[in-house]
Amino acid sequence: MKFTLILILMSQLLACASSTLVDSKSSQKTLIYASVKTYHIGVDDVLMVNVWKNPDLSVTVPVRPDGRISIPLVGDIVAGGKEPMVVASEIKTELEKFIREPQVTVMLTQLRSHEFISRVRVTGAVNTPSSLPYRQGMTVLDALLQAGGANDFASANAASLYRSENDSITQYDVYLSDIIHSGQLETNYVLLPGDIITVPERLF
């Protein structure tokens, strides 16, 4: 009886631990992807258009400066500013004039237009104002170090992080001096694509 009770208690503890682990992973994913919105195709992106069982109609094409791509039978179609699924649907509609029930998929093979959208900028009183490629897990301190650190005229504890959220800009105070010299990491925020860090100069 006691052995059975112990097994029941152990199974409950394992279930709780598993639930906590799932919740933790879910929270991490939410943090990482919180600012990621549906991707819209941009100029210079490269698309692979696949028409099932029609290899002659399947092509890999770049998005031209006018936002259009060229598809066999269809001709030019606007892709810029649209989601891949929308473009696939529009190509399918056009191909239905020539093919019975075409199955079309559009995949992004090179996200060239996304480069500047996903960058992190460090400006103001730093040694090397920089536009940095975003990397998952990058923090304020990481970005500052890549920008050469604050210069001799910086008011490091008056820095700010600007982030686009819900179609508005939110400002967060960043205490760089406390982060660097005191190890106080409360404002060493994990960065997101498009974040801007500014370090003002001291008022003499």
N, C-alpha and C. Protein backbone atom coordinates (compact mmCIF):
# COMPACT_ATOMS: atom_id res chain seq x y z
N MET A 1 0.83 -1.20 0.00
CA MET A 1 0.00 0.00 0.00
C MET A 1 0.87 1.26 0.00
N LYS A 2 1.90 1.24 0.88
CA LYS A 2 2.80 2.39 0.95
C LYS A 2 3.55 2.57 -0.37
N PHE A 3 3.96 1.43 -0.95
CA PHE A 3 4.68 1.50 -2.22
C PHE A 3 3.82 2.11 -3.32
N THR A 4 2.55 1.72 -3.33
CA THR A 4 1.61 2.27 -4.31
C THR A 4 1.44 3.76 -4.11
N LEU A 5 1.33 4.19 -2.84
CA LEU A 5 1.18 5.62 -2.54
C LEU A 5 2.39 6.41 -2.99
N ILE A 6 3.59 5.82 -2.77
CA ILE A 6 4.82 6.50 -3.19
C ILE A 6 4.85 6.66 -4.71
N LEU A 7 4.43 5.61 -5.44
CA LEU A 7 4.39 5.69 -6.90
C LEU A 7 3.45 6.78 -7.37
N ILE A 8 2.29 6.89 -6.70
CA ILE A 8 1.31 7.92 -7.08
C ILE A 8 1.89 9.31 -6.86
N LEU A 9 2.55 9.50 -5.69
CA LEU A 9 3.14 10.81 -5.38
C LEU A 9 4.25 11.16 -6.38
N MET A 10 5.07 10.14 -6.74
CA MET A 10 6.15 10.39 -7.69
C MET A 10 5.61 10.77 -9.06
N SER A 11 4.54 10.08 -9.48
CA SER A 11 3.95 10.40 -10.79
C SER A 11 3.38 11.80 -10.80
N GLN A 12 2.79 12.24 -9.67
CA GLN A 12 2.24 13.60 -9.59
C GLN A 12 3.36 14.64 -9.65
N LEU A 13 4.48 14.34 -8.95
CA LEU A 13 5.61 15.27 -8.97
C LEU A 13 6.21 15.39 -10.36
N LEU A 14 6.33 14.24 -11.06
CA LEU A 14 6.86 14.26 -12.41
C LEU A 14 5.95 15.03 -13.35
N ALA A 15 4.64 14.88 -13.16
CA ALA A 15 3.68 15.61 -13.99
C ALA A 15 3.80 17.10 -13.77
N CYS A 16 3.96 17.51 -12.51
CA CYS A 16 4.13 18.94 -12.19
C CYS A 16 5.41 19.48 -12.81
N ALA A 17 6.51 18.69 -12.69
CA ALA A 17 7.79 19.12 -13.26
C ALA A 17 7.68 19.26 -14.76
N SER A 18 7.02 18.29 -15.41
CA SER A 18 6.83 18.34 -16.86
C SER A 18 6.03 19.56 -17.26
N SER A 19 4.96 19.85 -16.49
CA SER A 19 4.12 21.01 -16.78
C SER A 19 4.91 22.30 -16.64
N THR A 20 5.76 22.37 -15.59
CA THR A 20 6.58 23.57 -15.38
C THR A 20 7.56 23.76 -16.52
N LEU A 21 8.16 22.63 -16.98
CA LEU A 21 9.12 22.70 -18.08
C LEU A 21 8.45 23.19 -19.34
N VAL A 22 7.24 22.68 -19.63
CA VAL A 22 6.50 23.10 -20.81
C VAL A 22 6.16 24.58 -20.72
N ASP A 23 5.70 25.01 -19.51
CA ASP A 23 5.36 26.42 -19.32
C ASP A 23 6.58 27.29 -19.52
N SER A 24 7.76 26.82 -19.02
CA SER A 24 8.99 27.58 -19.15
C SER A 24 9.38 27.73 -20.61
N LYS A 25 9.31 26.61 -21.36
CA LYS A 25 9.67 26.67 -22.77
C LYS A 25 8.70 27.56 -23.53
N SER A 26 7.42 27.48 -23.14
CA SER A 26 6.41 28.31 -23.80
C SER A 26 6.70 29.78 -23.56
N SER A 27 7.10 30.12 -22.31
CA SER A 27 7.41 31.51 -21.98
C SER A 27 8.61 32.00 -22.76
N GLN A 28 9.63 31.13 -22.90
CA GLN A 28 10.81 31.51 -23.66
C GLN A 28 10.46 31.78 -25.11
N LYS A 29 9.61 30.92 -25.69
CA LYS A 29 9.21 31.12 -27.07
C LYS A 29 8.44 32.42 -27.22
N THR A 30 7.57 32.70 -26.23
CA THR A 30 6.80 33.94 -26.27
C THR A 30 7.73 35.14 -26.23
N LEU A 31 8.79 35.07 -25.38
CA LEU A 31 9.75 36.16 -25.27
C LEU A 31 10.50 36.35 -26.58
N ILE A 32 10.94 35.24 -27.19
CA ILE A 32 11.74 35.33 -28.39
C ILE A 32 10.94 35.84 -29.57
N TYR A 33 9.69 35.37 -29.68
CA TYR A 33 8.91 35.67 -30.87
C TYR A 33 7.86 36.75 -30.66
N ALA A 34 7.90 37.42 -29.50
CA ALA A 34 6.86 38.40 -29.19
C ALA A 34 6.72 39.47 -30.24
N SER A 35 7.87 39.91 -30.82
CA SER A 35 7.81 41.02 -31.76
C SER A 35 7.78 40.57 -33.21
N VAL A 36 7.76 39.25 -33.43
CA VAL A 36 7.80 38.76 -34.80
C VAL A 36 6.40 38.80 -35.40
N LYS A 37 6.25 39.53 -36.47
CA LYS A 37 4.96 39.63 -37.14
C LYS A 37 5.01 38.82 -38.43
N THR A 38 3.87 38.69 -39.07
CA THR A 38 3.81 37.97 -40.33
C THR A 38 4.74 38.63 -41.33
N TYR A 39 5.56 37.82 -41.98
CA TYR A 39 6.56 38.36 -42.90
C TYR A 39 5.91 38.76 -44.22
N HIS A 40 6.24 39.96 -44.67
CA HIS A 40 5.78 40.45 -45.95
C HIS A 40 6.97 40.49 -46.92
N ILE A 41 6.76 39.98 -48.09
CA ILE A 41 7.81 39.91 -49.11
C ILE A 41 8.29 41.30 -49.47
N GLY A 42 9.60 41.44 -49.65
CA GLY A 42 10.17 42.74 -50.00
C GLY A 42 11.04 42.65 -51.24
N VAL A 43 11.45 43.81 -51.73
CA VAL A 43 12.33 43.88 -52.89
C VAL A 43 13.65 43.16 -52.60
N ASP A 44 14.14 42.42 -53.58
CA ASP A 44 15.39 41.65 -53.52
C ASP A 44 15.23 40.30 -52.81
N ASP A 45 14.09 40.04 -52.16
CA ASP A 45 13.86 38.70 -51.64
C ASP A 45 13.82 37.73 -52.82
N VAL A 46 14.19 36.48 -52.57
CA VAL A 46 14.15 35.46 -53.62
C VAL A 46 13.09 34.43 -53.25
N LEU A 47 12.18 34.17 -54.20
CA LEU A 47 11.06 33.26 -53.96
C LEU A 47 11.20 32.00 -54.81
N MET A 48 10.81 30.88 -54.23
CA MET A 48 10.70 29.65 -54.99
C MET A 48 9.21 29.35 -55.17
N VAL A 49 8.77 29.39 -56.40
CA VAL A 49 7.37 29.12 -56.72
C VAL A 49 7.29 27.70 -57.27
N ASN A 50 6.54 26.85 -56.57
CA ASN A 50 6.42 25.46 -56.98
C ASN A 50 4.98 25.15 -57.38
N VAL A 51 4.83 24.65 -58.60
CA VAL A 51 3.51 24.22 -59.09
C VAL A 51 3.56 22.70 -59.18
N TRP A 52 2.79 22.05 -58.34
CA TRP A 52 2.85 20.60 -58.21
C TRP A 52 2.60 19.89 -59.53
N LYS A 53 3.50 18.96 -59.85
CA LYS A 53 3.44 18.15 -61.07
C LYS A 53 3.59 18.99 -62.35
N ASN A 54 4.11 20.22 -62.20
CA ASN A 54 4.36 21.07 -63.36
C ASN A 54 5.73 21.72 -63.23
N PRO A 55 6.79 20.94 -63.40
CA PRO A 55 8.15 21.49 -63.20
C PRO A 55 8.48 22.64 -64.14
N ASP A 56 7.87 22.66 -65.32
CA ASP A 56 8.15 23.75 -66.26
C ASP A 56 7.62 25.09 -65.77
N LEU A 57 6.65 25.03 -64.86
CA LEU A 57 6.07 26.27 -64.32
C LEU A 57 6.67 26.64 -62.96
N SER A 58 7.49 25.76 -62.41
CA SER A 58 8.11 26.00 -61.11
C SER A 58 9.41 26.76 -61.29
N VAL A 59 9.54 27.89 -60.64
CA VAL A 59 10.70 28.76 -60.84
C VAL A 59 11.19 29.34 -59.52
N THR A 60 12.44 29.75 -59.52
CA THR A 60 13.01 30.53 -58.41
C THR A 60 13.33 31.91 -58.95
N VAL A 61 12.70 32.93 -58.38
CA VAL A 61 12.79 34.27 -58.96
C VAL A 61 13.04 35.33 -57.88
N PRO A 62 13.80 36.38 -58.22
CA PRO A 62 13.97 37.51 -57.29
C PRO A 62 12.81 38.49 -57.45
N VAL A 63 12.55 39.21 -56.38
CA VAL A 63 11.54 40.27 -56.43
C VAL A 63 12.21 41.52 -56.97
N ARG A 64 11.69 42.02 -58.10
CA ARG A 64 12.31 43.17 -58.76
C ARG A 64 12.04 44.46 -57.98
N PRO A 65 12.76 45.55 -58.32
CA PRO A 65 12.54 46.83 -57.63
C PRO A 65 11.11 47.34 -57.69
N ASP A 66 10.34 46.91 -58.72
CA ASP A 66 8.93 47.32 -58.79
C ASP A 66 8.02 46.41 -57.97
N GLY A 67 8.62 45.44 -57.25
CA GLY A 67 7.84 44.56 -56.40
C GLY A 67 7.21 43.38 -57.12
N ARG A 68 7.53 43.20 -58.39
CA ARG A 68 6.90 42.15 -59.19
C ARG A 68 7.84 40.96 -59.41
N ILE A 69 7.23 39.82 -59.73
CA ILE A 69 7.97 38.64 -60.15
C ILE A 69 7.34 38.14 -61.45
N SER A 70 8.11 37.36 -62.21
CA SER A 70 7.61 36.83 -63.48
C SER A 70 7.41 35.32 -63.37
N ILE A 71 6.21 34.85 -63.75
CA ILE A 71 5.85 33.45 -63.66
C ILE A 71 5.42 32.96 -65.04
N PRO A 72 5.91 31.79 -65.49
CA PRO A 72 5.46 31.24 -66.77
C PRO A 72 3.93 31.15 -66.85
N LEU A 73 3.40 31.47 -67.99
CA LEU A 73 1.96 31.52 -68.27
C LEU A 73 1.27 32.72 -67.62
N VAL A 74 1.66 33.03 -66.42
CA VAL A 74 1.01 34.12 -65.67
C VAL A 74 1.55 35.47 -66.09
N GLY A 75 2.86 35.55 -66.31
CA GLY A 75 3.50 36.83 -66.57
C GLY A 75 3.88 37.51 -65.27
N ASP A 76 3.82 38.83 -65.25
CA ASP A 76 4.20 39.59 -64.05
C ASP A 76 3.07 39.60 -63.03
N ILE A 77 3.47 39.44 -61.77
CA ILE A 77 2.50 39.51 -60.68
C ILE A 77 3.15 40.23 -59.51
N VAL A 78 2.39 41.05 -58.80
CA VAL A 78 2.93 41.81 -57.67
C VAL A 78 3.11 40.88 -56.47
N ALA A 79 4.34 40.85 -55.94
CA ALA A 79 4.63 40.05 -54.75
C ALA A 79 5.03 40.93 -53.56
N GLY A 80 5.67 42.09 -53.85
CA GLY A 80 6.14 42.97 -52.79
C GLY A 80 5.03 43.45 -51.88
N GLY A 81 5.28 43.36 -50.57
CA GLY A 81 4.31 43.82 -49.59
C GLY A 81 3.25 42.80 -49.22
N LYS A 82 3.31 41.62 -49.83
CA LYS A 82 2.30 40.59 -49.58
C LYS A 82 2.91 39.40 -48.84
N GLU A 83 2.05 38.61 -48.19
CA GLU A 83 2.49 37.38 -47.56
C GLU A 83 2.65 36.29 -48.63
N PRO A 84 3.57 35.35 -48.42
CA PRO A 84 3.77 34.28 -49.41
C PRO A 84 2.49 33.52 -49.74
N MET A 85 1.65 33.25 -48.76
CA MET A 85 0.42 32.51 -49.01
C MET A 85 -0.53 33.28 -49.93
N VAL A 86 -0.53 34.61 -49.78
CA VAL A 86 -1.38 35.44 -50.63
C VAL A 86 -0.89 35.39 -52.07
N VAL A 87 0.43 35.48 -52.25
CA VAL A 87 1.00 35.42 -53.60
C VAL A 87 0.71 34.06 -54.23
N ALA A 88 0.84 32.99 -53.45
CA ALA A 88 0.55 31.65 -53.97
C ALA A 88 -0.90 31.55 -54.43
N SER A 89 -1.80 32.12 -53.65
CA SER A 89 -3.22 32.09 -54.01
C SER A 89 -3.49 32.86 -55.30
N GLU A 90 -2.83 34.00 -55.46
CA GLU A 90 -3.04 34.81 -56.67
C GLU A 90 -2.46 34.11 -57.91
N ILE A 91 -1.30 33.46 -57.74
CA ILE A 91 -0.73 32.71 -58.87
C ILE A 91 -1.65 31.55 -59.24
N LYS A 92 -2.18 30.88 -58.23
CA LYS A 92 -3.11 29.76 -58.46
C LYS A 92 -4.32 30.23 -59.26
N THR A 93 -4.87 31.38 -58.90
CA THR A 93 -6.05 31.92 -59.60
C THR A 93 -5.74 32.17 -61.07
N GLU A 94 -4.55 32.72 -61.33
CA GLU A 94 -4.18 32.99 -62.72
C GLU A 94 -3.93 31.70 -63.51
N LEU A 95 -3.30 30.72 -62.85
CA LEU A 95 -3.00 29.46 -63.54
C LEU A 95 -4.24 28.64 -63.83
N GLU A 96 -5.31 28.87 -63.06
CA GLU A 96 -6.55 28.13 -63.30
C GLU A 96 -7.14 28.43 -64.67
N LYS A 97 -6.67 29.50 -65.31
CA LYS A 97 -7.11 29.80 -66.68
C LYS A 97 -6.49 28.82 -67.68
N PHE A 98 -5.39 28.15 -67.25
CA PHE A 98 -4.68 27.26 -68.16
C PHE A 98 -4.60 25.81 -67.66
N ILE A 99 -4.64 25.63 -66.33
CA ILE A 99 -4.44 24.31 -65.73
C ILE A 99 -5.60 24.00 -64.78
N ARG A 100 -5.99 22.76 -64.75
CA ARG A 100 -7.06 22.35 -63.86
C ARG A 100 -6.53 22.13 -62.45
N GLU A 101 -7.11 22.86 -61.51
CA GLU A 101 -6.79 22.75 -60.08
C GLU A 101 -5.28 22.74 -59.80
N PRO A 102 -4.57 23.79 -60.17
CA PRO A 102 -3.13 23.84 -59.87
C PRO A 102 -2.87 23.97 -58.36
N GLN A 103 -1.85 23.31 -57.89
CA GLN A 103 -1.44 23.41 -56.49
C GLN A 103 -0.14 24.22 -56.42
N VAL A 104 -0.21 25.39 -55.82
CA VAL A 104 0.92 26.33 -55.84
C VAL A 104 1.41 26.61 -54.42
N THR A 105 2.70 26.56 -54.25
CA THR A 105 3.32 27.00 -52.99
C THR A 105 4.39 28.03 -53.30
N VAL A 106 4.52 29.00 -52.42
CA VAL A 106 5.56 30.04 -52.55
C VAL A 106 6.39 30.02 -51.28
N MET A 107 7.69 29.83 -51.43
CA MET A 107 8.60 29.80 -50.28
C MET A 107 9.70 30.85 -50.46
N LEU A 108 10.06 31.48 -49.38
CA LEU A 108 11.17 32.44 -49.38
C LEU A 108 12.46 31.68 -49.20
N THR A 109 13.38 31.82 -50.15
CA THR A 109 14.68 31.15 -50.05
C THR A 109 15.78 32.10 -49.59
N GLN A 110 15.61 33.39 -49.85
CA GLN A 110 16.57 34.40 -49.38
C GLN A 110 15.81 35.64 -48.92
N LEU A 111 15.98 35.98 -47.65
CA LEU A 111 15.27 37.13 -47.09
C LEU A 111 16.16 38.37 -47.13
N ARG A 112 16.46 38.83 -48.31
CA ARG A 112 17.39 39.96 -48.44
C ARG A 112 16.81 41.27 -47.95
N SER A 113 15.52 41.49 -48.15
CA SER A 113 14.92 42.76 -47.74
C SER A 113 14.78 42.85 -46.23
N HIS A 114 14.90 41.72 -45.54
CA HIS A 114 14.68 41.68 -44.10
C HIS A 114 15.90 42.17 -43.31
N GLU A 115 17.04 42.31 -43.99
CA GLU A 115 18.29 42.60 -43.28
C GLU A 115 18.21 43.84 -42.42
N PHE A 116 17.71 44.94 -42.99
CA PHE A 116 17.71 46.19 -42.24
C PHE A 116 16.56 46.25 -41.23
N ILE A 117 15.46 45.54 -41.53
CA ILE A 117 14.36 45.49 -40.57
C ILE A 117 14.81 44.85 -39.27
N SER A 118 15.69 43.86 -39.37
CA SER A 118 16.06 43.07 -38.20
C SER A 118 17.31 43.58 -37.48
N ARG A 119 17.85 44.70 -37.90
CA ARG A 119 19.07 45.20 -37.27
C ARG A 119 18.81 45.90 -35.94
N VAL A 120 19.86 46.01 -35.14
CA VAL A 120 19.84 46.76 -33.88
C VAL A 120 20.80 47.92 -34.04
N ARG A 121 20.35 49.13 -33.65
CA ARG A 121 21.19 50.33 -33.81
C ARG A 121 21.65 50.85 -32.46
N VAL A 122 22.93 51.28 -32.42
CA VAL A 122 23.49 51.92 -31.23
C VAL A 122 24.01 53.28 -31.64
N THR A 123 23.46 54.35 -31.04
CA THR A 123 23.80 55.71 -31.45
C THR A 123 24.17 56.56 -30.24
N GLY A 124 24.67 57.77 -30.53
CA GLY A 124 24.97 58.73 -29.47
C GLY A 124 26.41 58.67 -29.04
N ALA A 125 26.65 58.82 -27.74
CA ALA A 125 28.00 58.94 -27.20
C ALA A 125 28.65 57.58 -27.01
N VAL A 126 28.86 56.89 -28.14
CA VAL A 126 29.59 55.62 -28.13
C VAL A 126 30.78 55.77 -29.09
N ASN A 127 31.75 54.91 -28.93
CA ASN A 127 32.97 55.05 -29.73
C ASN A 127 32.74 54.77 -31.21
N THR A 128 31.84 53.84 -31.51
CA THR A 128 31.56 53.51 -32.91
C THR A 128 30.06 53.31 -33.08
N PRO A 129 29.31 54.39 -33.37
CA PRO A 129 27.87 54.22 -33.64
C PRO A 129 27.69 53.14 -34.70
N SER A 130 26.78 52.20 -34.42
CA SER A 130 26.72 50.99 -35.25
C SER A 130 25.30 50.57 -35.57
N SER A 131 25.19 49.90 -36.73
CA SER A 131 23.97 49.19 -37.12
C SER A 131 24.36 47.72 -37.16
N LEU A 132 23.85 46.94 -36.21
CA LEU A 132 24.33 45.58 -35.99
C LEU A 132 23.30 44.54 -36.43
N PRO A 133 23.75 43.45 -37.04
CA PRO A 133 22.82 42.35 -37.34
C PRO A 133 22.27 41.79 -36.05
N TYR A 134 20.95 41.60 -35.99
CA TYR A 134 20.33 41.04 -34.79
C TYR A 134 20.71 39.58 -34.63
N ARG A 135 21.01 39.18 -33.39
CA ARG A 135 21.26 37.79 -33.06
C ARG A 135 20.40 37.42 -31.86
N GLN A 136 19.79 36.26 -31.92
CA GLN A 136 18.94 35.80 -30.83
C GLN A 136 19.73 35.76 -29.53
N GLY A 137 19.16 36.33 -28.46
CA GLY A 137 19.83 36.35 -27.18
C GLY A 137 20.70 37.57 -26.95
N MET A 138 20.86 38.41 -27.97
CA MET A 138 21.66 39.63 -27.85
C MET A 138 21.06 40.55 -26.77
N THR A 139 21.93 41.11 -25.95
CA THR A 139 21.49 42.03 -24.89
C THR A 139 22.01 43.45 -25.16
N VAL A 140 21.55 44.38 -24.34
CA VAL A 140 22.02 45.76 -24.43
C VAL A 140 23.53 45.81 -24.32
N LEU A 141 24.10 45.08 -23.37
CA LEU A 141 25.55 45.09 -23.17
C LEU A 141 26.28 44.52 -24.38
N ASP A 142 25.75 43.46 -24.97
CA ASP A 142 26.37 42.91 -26.18
C ASP A 142 26.46 43.96 -27.28
N ALA A 143 25.35 44.67 -27.49
CA ALA A 143 25.31 45.69 -28.54
C ALA A 143 26.27 46.83 -28.23
N LEU A 144 26.32 47.25 -26.97
CA LEU A 144 27.22 48.35 -26.58
C LEU A 144 28.68 47.96 -26.81
N LEU A 145 29.04 46.73 -26.44
CA LEU A 145 30.43 46.30 -26.62
C LEU A 145 30.79 46.24 -28.10
N GLN A 146 29.85 45.81 -28.95
CA GLN A 146 30.13 45.79 -30.39
C GLN A 146 30.26 47.20 -30.96
N ALA A 147 29.65 48.17 -30.27
CA ALA A 147 29.77 49.57 -30.71
C ALA A 147 30.98 50.25 -30.08
N GLY A 148 31.85 49.48 -29.45
CA GLY A 148 33.09 50.03 -28.90
C GLY A 148 32.95 50.63 -27.52
N GLY A 149 31.79 50.49 -26.89
CA GLY A 149 31.57 51.03 -25.56
C GLY A 149 31.24 52.51 -25.56
N ALA A 150 30.81 53.01 -24.42
CA ALA A 150 30.51 54.43 -24.29
C ALA A 150 31.80 55.24 -24.32
N ASN A 151 31.73 56.45 -24.91
CA ASN A 151 32.94 57.27 -24.96
C ASN A 151 33.09 58.12 -23.70
N ASP A 152 34.13 58.94 -23.66
CA ASP A 152 34.46 59.70 -22.44
C ASP A 152 33.43 60.77 -22.11
N PHE A 153 32.57 61.10 -23.06
CA PHE A 153 31.60 62.18 -22.83
C PHE A 153 30.20 61.64 -22.52
N ALA A 154 30.09 60.32 -22.40
CA ALA A 154 28.76 59.70 -22.25
C ALA A 154 28.19 59.88 -20.85
N SER A 155 26.89 60.05 -20.83
CA SER A 155 26.14 59.97 -19.58
C SER A 155 25.51 58.58 -19.56
N ALA A 156 26.32 57.60 -19.17
CA ALA A 156 25.98 56.19 -19.40
C ALA A 156 24.71 55.76 -18.68
N ASN A 157 24.43 56.32 -17.53
CA ASN A 157 23.23 55.91 -16.78
C ASN A 157 21.96 56.61 -17.26
N ALA A 158 22.08 57.39 -18.32
CA ALA A 158 20.91 58.07 -18.88
C ALA A 158 20.56 57.52 -20.26
N ALA A 159 21.10 56.34 -20.59
CA ALA A 159 20.85 55.74 -21.90
C ALA A 159 19.39 55.27 -21.99
N SER A 160 18.95 55.06 -23.22
CA SER A 160 17.56 54.63 -23.45
C SER A 160 17.52 53.55 -24.52
N LEU A 161 16.54 52.68 -24.38
CA LEU A 161 16.23 51.68 -25.40
C LEU A 161 14.86 52.03 -25.98
N TYR A 162 14.82 52.16 -27.31
CA TYR A 162 13.56 52.47 -27.99
C TYR A 162 13.11 51.24 -28.78
N ARG A 163 11.85 50.86 -28.56
CA ARG A 163 11.32 49.64 -29.17
C ARG A 163 9.94 49.90 -29.75
N SER A 164 9.72 49.42 -30.97
CA SER A 164 8.41 49.54 -31.60
C SER A 164 7.49 48.45 -31.06
N GLU A 165 6.38 48.87 -30.45
CA GLU A 165 5.42 47.94 -29.86
C GLU A 165 4.01 48.42 -30.15
N ASN A 166 3.22 47.54 -30.76
CA ASN A 166 1.81 47.86 -31.03
C ASN A 166 1.65 49.21 -31.74
N ASP A 167 2.44 49.38 -32.80
CA ASP A 167 2.37 50.58 -33.64
C ASP A 167 2.73 51.87 -32.91
N SER A 168 3.48 51.76 -31.81
CA SER A 168 3.98 52.94 -31.12
C SER A 168 5.39 52.64 -30.61
N ILE A 169 6.11 53.69 -30.21
CA ILE A 169 7.48 53.54 -29.72
C ILE A 169 7.49 53.61 -28.20
N THR A 170 8.06 52.59 -27.57
CA THR A 170 8.19 52.55 -26.11
C THR A 170 9.63 52.80 -25.72
N GLN A 171 9.84 53.67 -24.73
CA GLN A 171 11.19 53.98 -24.25
C GLN A 171 11.45 53.26 -22.93
N TYR A 172 12.62 52.64 -22.82
CA TYR A 172 13.04 51.98 -21.59
C TYR A 172 14.33 52.62 -21.10
N ASP A 173 14.40 52.95 -19.83
CA ASP A 173 15.63 53.49 -19.26
C ASP A 173 16.68 52.38 -19.16
N VAL A 174 17.91 52.73 -19.52
CA VAL A 174 19.02 51.78 -19.46
C VAL A 174 20.14 52.40 -18.64
N TYR A 175 20.54 51.73 -17.57
CA TYR A 175 21.60 52.23 -16.69
C TYR A 175 22.91 51.52 -17.02
N LEU A 176 23.56 52.00 -18.09
CA LEU A 176 24.76 51.34 -18.60
C LEU A 176 25.89 51.31 -17.58
N SER A 177 26.07 52.41 -16.86
CA SER A 177 27.16 52.46 -15.88
C SER A 177 26.94 51.40 -14.79
N ASP A 178 25.70 51.26 -14.35
CA ASP A 178 25.40 50.25 -13.33
C ASP A 178 25.62 48.85 -13.87
N ILE A 179 25.29 48.63 -15.13
CA ILE A 179 25.48 47.32 -15.76
C ILE A 179 26.97 46.98 -15.82
N ILE A 180 27.77 47.95 -16.28
CA ILE A 180 29.20 47.71 -16.52
C ILE A 180 30.01 47.68 -15.23
N HIS A 181 29.78 48.64 -14.35
CA HIS A 181 30.65 48.81 -13.19
C HIS A 181 30.13 48.15 -11.91
N SER A 182 28.82 47.92 -11.83
CA SER A 182 28.25 47.37 -10.61
C SER A 182 27.59 46.01 -10.80
N GLY A 183 27.54 45.56 -12.03
CA GLY A 183 26.93 44.26 -12.28
C GLY A 183 25.43 44.22 -12.04
N GLN A 184 24.80 45.39 -12.06
CA GLN A 184 23.35 45.45 -11.89
C GLN A 184 22.71 45.27 -13.27
N LEU A 185 22.13 44.11 -13.48
CA LEU A 185 21.70 43.71 -14.82
C LEU A 185 20.21 43.89 -15.08
N GLU A 186 19.52 44.59 -14.17
CA GLU A 186 18.07 44.74 -14.33
C GLU A 186 17.68 45.40 -15.65
N THR A 187 18.54 46.31 -16.14
CA THR A 187 18.20 47.00 -17.40
C THR A 187 19.04 46.51 -18.57
N ASN A 188 19.70 45.37 -18.38
CA ASN A 188 20.43 44.75 -19.49
C ASN A 188 19.44 43.91 -20.29
N TYR A 189 18.54 44.60 -20.98
CA TYR A 189 17.43 43.93 -21.65
C TYR A 189 17.89 43.02 -22.78
N VAL A 190 17.16 41.92 -22.97
CA VAL A 190 17.34 41.11 -24.17
C VAL A 190 16.73 41.88 -25.33
N LEU A 191 17.50 42.06 -26.38
CA LEU A 191 17.07 42.91 -27.49
C LEU A 191 16.18 42.15 -28.47
N LEU A 192 15.43 42.94 -29.22
CA LEU A 192 14.57 42.42 -30.28
C LEU A 192 14.92 43.11 -31.59
N PRO A 193 14.59 42.51 -32.73
CA PRO A 193 14.89 43.15 -34.02
C PRO A 193 14.29 44.55 -34.10
N GLY A 194 15.10 45.49 -34.58
CA GLY A 194 14.63 46.87 -34.75
C GLY A 194 14.87 47.76 -33.55
N ASP A 195 15.38 47.23 -32.44
CA ASP A 195 15.64 48.05 -31.25
C ASP A 195 16.71 49.11 -31.54
N ILE A 196 16.57 50.25 -30.86
CA ILE A 196 17.55 51.34 -30.97
C ILE A 196 18.01 51.72 -29.57
N ILE A 197 19.31 51.76 -29.36
CA ILE A 197 19.90 52.17 -28.08
C ILE A 197 20.58 53.51 -28.30
N THR A 198 20.25 54.49 -27.46
CA THR A 198 20.90 55.80 -27.56
C THR A 198 21.58 56.13 -26.23
N VAL A 199 22.79 56.68 -26.34
CA VAL A 199 23.57 57.07 -25.16
C VAL A 199 23.81 58.57 -25.26
N PRO A 200 23.22 59.40 -24.40
CA PRO A 200 23.40 60.85 -24.48
C PRO A 200 24.75 61.29 -23.90
N GLU A 201 25.15 62.49 -24.27
CA GLU A 201 26.36 63.07 -23.67
C GLU A 201 26.03 63.74 -22.34
N ARG A 202 27.05 63.88 -21.52
CA ARG A 202 26.87 64.56 -20.23
C ARG A 202 26.63 66.04 -20.44
N LEU A 203 25.88 66.65 -19.56
CA LEU A 203 25.68 68.10 -19.58
C LEU A 203 26.74 68.73 -18.69
N PHE A 204 27.60 69.54 -19.28
CA PHE A 204 28.70 70.16 -18.53
C PHE A 204 28.27 71.46 -17.91
